[in-house]
Amino acid sequence: MDSVRILKRPAVEAITGLSRSSLYAKMQNGSFPTAIRLSERSVGWLYHEITAWLESRIAASRSGGVPC
């Protein structure tokens, strides 16, 4: 496996512009990458999944798609 980069929630919020509650709501309805459990009290997101999600949002907004 290549180098894996994990982002914690504050970084995901800063990169996406989404609030904590929006992140979890979008994960719940399947429109955002799911967090991975790092420990009993810690989760993170895979960097490549977050960037792919952002790229899909940009593509959808540029093509007139409906925002999620």
PDB file of N, CA and C in Angstrom:
ATOM      1  N   MET A   1       0.846  -1.177   0.000  1.00  0.00           N
ATOM      2  CA  MET A   1       0.000   0.000   0.000  1.00  0.00           C
ATOM      3  C   MET A   1       0.890   1.237   0.000  1.00  0.00           C
ATOM      4  N   ASP A   2       0.521   2.207  -0.822  1.00  0.00           N
ATOM      5  CA  ASP A   2       1.249   3.462  -0.841  1.00  0.00           C
ATOM      6  C   ASP A   2       1.031   4.200   0.473  1.00  0.00           C
ATOM      7  N   SER A   3       1.750   5.280   0.630  1.00  0.00           N
ATOM      8  CA  SER A   3       1.617   6.100   1.823  1.00  0.00           C
ATOM      9  C   SER A   3       0.163   6.552   1.989  1.00  0.00           C
ATOM     10  N   VAL A   4      -0.372   6.353   3.174  1.00  0.00           N
ATOM     11  CA  VAL A   4      -1.753   6.718   3.473  1.00  0.00           C
ATOM     12  C   VAL A   4      -1.727   7.960   4.349  1.00  0.00           C
ATOM     13  N   ARG A   5      -2.523   8.938   3.980  1.00  0.00           N
ATOM     14  CA  ARG A   5      -2.613  10.168   4.762  1.00  0.00           C
ATOM     15  C   ARG A   5      -3.987  10.235   5.398  1.00  0.00           C
ATOM     16  N   ILE A   6      -4.002  10.411   6.713  1.00  0.00           N
ATOM     17  CA  ILE A   6      -5.236  10.482   7.481  1.00  0.00           C
ATOM     18  C   ILE A   6      -5.473  11.934   7.911  1.00  0.00           C
ATOM     19  N   LEU A   7      -6.700  12.387   7.738  1.00  0.00           N
ATOM     20  CA  LEU A   7      -7.082  13.726   8.178  1.00  0.00           C
ATOM     21  C   LEU A   7      -8.013  13.615   9.374  1.00  0.00           C
ATOM     22  N   LYS A   8      -7.763  14.419  10.382  1.00  0.00           N
ATOM     23  CA  LYS A   8      -8.660  14.497  11.523  1.00  0.00           C
ATOM     24  C   LYS A   8      -9.786  15.478  11.197  1.00  0.00           C
ATOM     25  N   ARG A   9     -10.842  15.452  11.993  1.00  0.00           N
ATOM     26  CA  ARG A   9     -12.037  16.238  11.711  1.00  0.00           C
ATOM     27  C   ARG A   9     -11.783  17.727  11.512  1.00  0.00           C
ATOM     28  N   PRO A  10     -10.991  18.398  12.343  1.00  0.00           N
ATOM     29  CA  PRO A  10     -10.772  19.835  12.102  1.00  0.00           C
ATOM     30  C   PRO A  10     -10.169  20.124  10.718  1.00  0.00           C
ATOM     31  N   ALA A  11      -9.290  19.254  10.264  1.00  0.00           N
ATOM     32  CA  ALA A  11      -8.697  19.438   8.933  1.00  0.00           C
ATOM     33  C   ALA A  11      -9.734  19.208   7.841  1.00  0.00           C
ATOM     34  N   VAL A  12     -10.589  18.204   8.016  1.00  0.00           N
ATOM     35  CA  VAL A  12     -11.643  17.931   7.030  1.00  0.00           C
ATOM     36  C   VAL A  12     -12.615  19.107   6.977  1.00  0.00           C
ATOM     37  N   GLU A  13     -12.961  19.642   8.132  1.00  0.00           N
ATOM     38  CA  GLU A  13     -13.846  20.807   8.174  1.00  0.00           C
ATOM     39  C   GLU A  13     -13.208  21.993   7.447  1.00  0.00           C
ATOM     40  N   ALA A  14     -11.919  22.228   7.687  1.00  0.00           N
ATOM     41  CA  ALA A  14     -11.230  23.353   7.052  1.00  0.00           C
ATOM     42  C   ALA A  14     -11.131  23.170   5.541  1.00  0.00           C
ATOM     43  N   ILE A  15     -10.849  21.970   5.091  1.00  0.00           N
ATOM     44  CA  ILE A  15     -10.691  21.702   3.657  1.00  0.00           C
ATOM     45  C   ILE A  15     -12.021  21.791   2.926  1.00  0.00           C
ATOM     46  N   THR A  16     -13.077  21.238   3.534  1.00  0.00           N
ATOM     47  CA  THR A  16     -14.370  21.175   2.848  1.00  0.00           C
ATOM     48  C   THR A  16     -15.254  22.390   3.101  1.00  0.00           C
ATOM     49  N   GLY A  17     -15.035  23.075   4.200  1.00  0.00           N
ATOM     50  CA  GLY A  17     -15.914  24.177   4.576  1.00  0.00           C
ATOM     51  C   GLY A  17     -17.196  23.710   5.237  1.00  0.00           C
ATOM     52  N   LEU A  18     -17.284  22.419   5.536  1.00  0.00           N
ATOM     53  CA  LEU A  18     -18.474  21.857   6.180  1.00  0.00           C
ATOM     54  C   LEU A  18     -18.304  21.852   7.692  1.00  0.00           C
ATOM     55  N   SER A  19     -19.419  21.983   8.397  1.00  0.00           N
ATOM     56  CA  SER A  19     -19.395  21.903   9.852  1.00  0.00           C
ATOM     57  C   SER A  19     -19.365  20.440  10.290  1.00  0.00           C
ATOM     58  N   ARG A  20     -19.106  20.234  11.564  1.00  0.00           N
ATOM     59  CA  ARG A  20     -19.085  18.879  12.131  1.00  0.00           C
ATOM     60  C   ARG A  20     -20.414  18.181  11.876  1.00  0.00           C
ATOM     61  N   SER A  21     -21.506  18.871  12.182  1.00  0.00           N
ATOM     62  CA  SER A  21     -22.819  18.243  12.021  1.00  0.00           C
ATOM     63  C   SER A  21     -23.113  17.938  10.553  1.00  0.00           C
ATOM     64  N   SER A  22     -22.677  18.789   9.648  1.00  0.00           N
ATOM     65  CA  SER A  22     -22.879  18.524   8.218  1.00  0.00           C
ATOM     66  C   SER A  22     -22.076  17.312   7.760  1.00  0.00           C
ATOM     67  N   LEU A  23     -20.846  17.188   8.245  1.00  0.00           N
ATOM     68  CA  LEU A  23     -20.023  16.023   7.887  1.00  0.00           C
ATOM     69  C   LEU A  23     -20.736  14.730   8.272  1.00  0.00           C
ATOM     70  N   TYR A  24     -21.199  14.675   9.523  1.00  0.00           N
ATOM     71  CA  TYR A  24     -21.825  13.449  10.012  1.00  0.00           C
ATOM     72  C   TYR A  24     -23.178  13.195   9.342  1.00  0.00           C
ATOM     73  N   ALA A  25     -23.915  14.249   9.048  1.00  0.00           N
ATOM     74  CA  ALA A  25     -25.193  14.070   8.344  1.00  0.00           C
ATOM     75  C   ALA A  25     -24.958  13.534   6.941  1.00  0.00           C
ATOM     76  N   LYS A  26     -23.954  14.061   6.246  1.00  0.00           N
ATOM     77  CA  LYS A  26     -23.646  13.598   4.893  1.00  0.00           C
ATOM     78  C   LYS A  26     -23.111  12.159   4.922  1.00  0.00           C
ATOM     79  N   MET A  27     -22.332  11.806   5.934  1.00  0.00           N
ATOM     80  CA  MET A  27     -21.885  10.413   6.055  1.00  0.00           C
ATOM     81  C   MET A  27     -23.089   9.504   6.263  1.00  0.00           C
ATOM     82  N   GLN A  28     -24.022   9.944   7.097  1.00  0.00           N
ATOM     83  CA  GLN A  28     -25.207   9.142   7.407  1.00  0.00           C
ATOM     84  C   GLN A  28     -26.043   8.867   6.161  1.00  0.00           C
ATOM     85  N   ASN A  29     -26.170   9.881   5.272  1.00  0.00           N
ATOM     86  CA  ASN A  29     -26.994   9.665   4.074  1.00  0.00           C
ATOM     87  C   ASN A  29     -26.184   9.170   2.881  1.00  0.00           C
ATOM     88  N   GLY A  30     -24.899   8.895   3.082  1.00  0.00           N
ATOM     89  CA  GLY A  30     -24.073   8.288   2.044  1.00  0.00           C
ATOM     90  C   GLY A  30     -23.501   9.250   1.017  1.00  0.00           C
ATOM     91  N   SER A  31     -23.564  10.557   1.288  1.00  0.00           N
ATOM     92  CA  SER A  31     -23.057  11.524   0.313  1.00  0.00           C
ATOM     93  C   SER A  31     -21.684  12.085   0.668  1.00  0.00           C
ATOM     94  N   PHE A  32     -21.007  11.468   1.639  1.00  0.00           N
ATOM     95  CA  PHE A  32     -19.675  11.905   2.044  1.00  0.00           C
ATOM     96  C   PHE A  32     -18.883  10.675   2.478  1.00  0.00           C
ATOM     97  N   PRO A  33     -17.566  10.667   2.254  1.00  0.00           N
ATOM     98  CA  PRO A  33     -16.762   9.506   2.660  1.00  0.00           C
ATOM     99  C   PRO A  33     -16.905   9.198   4.156  1.00  0.00           C
ATOM    100  N   THR A  34     -16.951   7.944   4.463  1.00  0.00           N
ATOM    101  CA  THR A  34     -17.086   7.493   5.843  1.00  0.00           C
ATOM    102  C   THR A  34     -15.754   7.590   6.569  1.00  0.00           C
ATOM    103  N   ALA A  35     -15.816   8.023   7.820  1.00  0.00           N
ATOM    104  CA  ALA A  35     -14.628   8.084   8.658  1.00  0.00           C
ATOM    105  C   ALA A  35     -14.176   6.671   9.010  1.00  0.00           C
ATOM    106  N   ILE A  36     -12.900   6.541   9.297  1.00  0.00           N
ATOM    107  CA  ILE A  36     -12.377   5.255   9.761  1.00  0.00           C
ATOM    108  C   ILE A  36     -12.013   5.386  11.238  1.00  0.00           C
ATOM    109  N   ARG A  37     -12.247   4.335  11.974  1.00  0.00           N
ATOM    110  CA  ARG A  37     -11.942   4.323  13.403  1.00  0.00           C
ATOM    111  C   ARG A  37     -10.444   4.146  13.579  1.00  0.00           C
ATOM    112  N   LEU A  38      -9.810   5.091  14.294  1.00  0.00           N
ATOM    113  CA  LEU A  38      -8.378   5.022  14.560  1.00  0.00           C
ATOM    114  C   LEU A  38      -8.100   4.447  15.940  1.00  0.00           C
ATOM    115  N   SER A  39      -8.970   4.763  16.875  1.00  0.00           N
ATOM    116  CA  SER A  39      -8.877   4.224  18.226  1.00  0.00           C
ATOM    117  C   SER A  39     -10.273   4.313  18.839  1.00  0.00           C
ATOM    118  N   GLU A  40     -10.378   3.992  20.103  1.00  0.00           N
ATOM    119  CA  GLU A  40     -11.680   4.002  20.754  1.00  0.00           C
ATOM    120  C   GLU A  40     -12.351   5.377  20.686  1.00  0.00           C
ATOM    121  N   ARG A  41     -11.561   6.450  20.747  1.00  0.00           N
ATOM    122  CA  ARG A  41     -12.128   7.803  20.780  1.00  0.00           C
ATOM    123  C   ARG A  41     -11.658   8.682  19.632  1.00  0.00           C
ATOM    124  N   SER A  42     -11.170   8.077  18.565  1.00  0.00           N
ATOM    125  CA  SER A  42     -10.616   8.871  17.478  1.00  0.00           C
ATOM    126  C   SER A  42     -10.997   8.311  16.113  1.00  0.00           C
ATOM    127  N   VAL A  43     -11.384   9.211  15.209  1.00  0.00           N
ATOM    128  CA  VAL A  43     -11.663   8.829  13.832  1.00  0.00           C
ATOM    129  C   VAL A  43     -10.878   9.749  12.903  1.00  0.00           C
ATOM    130  N   GLY A  44     -10.744   9.319  11.675  1.00  0.00           N
ATOM    131  CA  GLY A  44     -10.086  10.127  10.660  1.00  0.00           C
ATOM    132  C   GLY A  44     -10.635   9.771   9.295  1.00  0.00           C
ATOM    133  N   TRP A  45     -10.294  10.583   8.322  1.00  0.00           N
ATOM    134  CA  TRP A  45     -10.727  10.362   6.948  1.00  0.00           C
ATOM    135  C   TRP A  45      -9.510  10.206   6.072  1.00  0.00           C
ATOM    136  N   LEU A  46      -9.634   9.368   5.052  1.00  0.00           N
ATOM    137  CA  LEU A  46      -8.541   9.188   4.110  1.00  0.00           C
ATOM    138  C   LEU A  46      -8.462  10.406   3.201  1.00  0.00           C
ATOM    139  N   TYR A  47      -7.287  10.988   3.113  1.00  0.00           N
ATOM    140  CA  TYR A  47      -7.062  12.197   2.331  1.00  0.00           C
ATOM    141  C   TYR A  47      -7.537  12.035   0.894  1.00  0.00           C
ATOM    142  N   HIS A  48      -7.192  10.906   0.274  1.00  0.00           N
ATOM    143  CA  HIS A  48      -7.555  10.728  -1.134  1.00  0.00           C
ATOM    144  C   HIS A  48      -9.073  10.649  -1.321  1.00  0.00           C
ATOM    145  N   GLU A  49      -9.812  10.147  -0.327  1.00  0.00           N
ATOM    146  CA  GLU A  49     -11.273  10.113  -0.435  1.00  0.00           C
ATOM    147  C   GLU A  49     -11.869  11.510  -0.302  1.00  0.00           C
ATOM    148  N   ILE A  50     -11.297  12.334   0.556  1.00  0.00           N
ATOM    149  CA  ILE A  50     -11.781  13.709   0.720  1.00  0.00           C
ATOM    150  C   ILE A  50     -11.499  14.519  -0.533  1.00  0.00           C
ATOM    151  N   THR A  51     -10.306  14.383  -1.095  1.00  0.00           N
ATOM    152  CA  THR A  51      -9.993  15.145  -2.310  1.00  0.00           C
ATOM    153  C   THR A  51     -10.838  14.670  -3.492  1.00  0.00           C
ATOM    154  N   ALA A  52     -11.116  13.377  -3.566  1.00  0.00           N
ATOM    155  CA  ALA A  52     -11.983  12.866  -4.633  1.00  0.00           C
ATOM    156  C   ALA A  52     -13.396  13.418  -4.473  1.00  0.00           C
ATOM    157  N   TRP A  53     -13.895  13.498  -3.231  1.00  0.00           N
ATOM    158  CA  TRP A  53     -15.213  14.060  -2.983  1.00  0.00           C
ATOM    159  C   TRP A  53     -15.249  15.523  -3.422  1.00  0.00           C
ATOM    160  N   LEU A  54     -14.210  16.280  -3.057  1.00  0.00           N
ATOM    161  CA  LEU A  54     -14.147  17.691  -3.466  1.00  0.00           C
ATOM    162  C   LEU A  54     -14.132  17.831  -4.984  1.00  0.00           C
ATOM    163  N   GLU A  55     -13.335  17.011  -5.641  1.00  0.00           N
ATOM    164  CA  GLU A  55     -13.274  17.062  -7.104  1.00  0.00           C
ATOM    165  C   GLU A  55     -14.631  16.742  -7.725  1.00  0.00           C
ATOM    166  N   SER A  56     -15.370  15.803  -7.140  1.00  0.00           N
ATOM    167  CA  SER A  56     -16.699  15.474  -7.663  1.00  0.00           C
ATOM    168  C   SER A  56     -17.670  16.633  -7.462  1.00  0.00           C
ATOM    169  N   ARG A  57     -17.550  17.347  -6.323  1.00  0.00           N
ATOM    170  CA  ARG A  57     -18.406  18.508  -6.068  1.00  0.00           C
ATOM    171  C   ARG A  57     -18.085  19.626  -7.052  1.00  0.00           C
ATOM    172  N   ILE A  58     -16.804  19.837  -7.357  1.00  0.00           N
ATOM    173  CA  ILE A  58     -16.412  20.866  -8.319  1.00  0.00           C
ATOM    174  C   ILE A  58     -16.951  20.511  -9.696  1.00  0.00           C
ATOM    175  N   ALA A  59     -16.769  19.264 -10.095  1.00  0.00           N
ATOM    176  CA  ALA A  59     -17.245  18.824 -11.413  1.00  0.00           C
ATOM    177  C   ALA A  59     -18.758  18.986 -11.533  1.00  0.00           C
ATOM    178  N   ALA A  60     -19.488  18.616 -10.467  1.00  0.00           N
ATOM    179  CA  ALA A  60     -20.944  18.727 -10.490  1.00  0.00           C
ATOM    180  C   ALA A  60     -21.380  20.193 -10.576  1.00  0.00           C
ATOM    181  N   SER A  61     -20.687  21.068  -9.873  1.00  0.00           N
ATOM    182  CA  SER A  61     -21.094  22.474  -9.900  1.00  0.00           C
ATOM    183  C   SER A  61     -20.755  23.118 -11.240  1.00  0.00           C
ATOM    184  N   ARG A  62     -19.694  22.658 -11.882  1.00  0.00           N
ATOM    185  CA  ARG A  62     -19.310  23.228 -13.169  1.00  0.00           C
ATOM    186  C   ARG A  62     -20.194  22.714 -14.307  1.00  0.00           C
ATOM    187  N   SER A  63     -20.773  21.544 -14.118  1.00  0.00           N
ATOM    188  CA  SER A  63     -21.618  20.970 -15.172  1.00  0.00           C
ATOM    189  C   SER A  63     -23.105  21.238 -14.931  1.00  0.00           C
ATOM    190  N   GLY A  64     -23.410  22.010 -13.924  1.00  0.00           N
ATOM    191  CA  GLY A  64     -24.799  22.331 -13.627  1.00  0.00           C
ATOM    192  C   GLY A  64     -25.504  21.270 -12.812  1.00  0.00           C
ATOM    193  N   GLY A  65     -24.731  20.342 -12.210  1.00  0.00           N
ATOM    194  CA  GLY A  65     -25.327  19.305 -11.383  1.00  0.00           C
ATOM    195  C   GLY A  65     -25.885  19.873 -10.097  1.00  0.00           C
ATOM    196  N   VAL A  66     -26.696  19.094  -9.438  1.00  0.00           N
ATOM    197  CA  VAL A  66     -27.308  19.510  -8.189  1.00  0.00           C
ATOM    198  C   VAL A  66     -26.310  19.323  -7.064  1.00  0.00           C
ATOM    199  N   PRO A  67     -26.037  20.355  -6.244  1.00  0.00           N
ATOM    200  CA  PRO A  67     -25.104  20.207  -5.133  1.00  0.00           C
ATOM    201  C   PRO A  67     -25.637  19.286  -4.037  1.00  0.00           C
ATOM    202  N   CYS A  68     -24.738  18.572  -3.362  1.00  0.00           N
ATOM    203  CA  CYS A  68     -25.117  17.718  -2.228  1.00  0.00           C
ATOM    204  C   CYS A  68     -24.876  18.439  -0.936  1.00  0.00           C
TER     205      CYS A  68
END
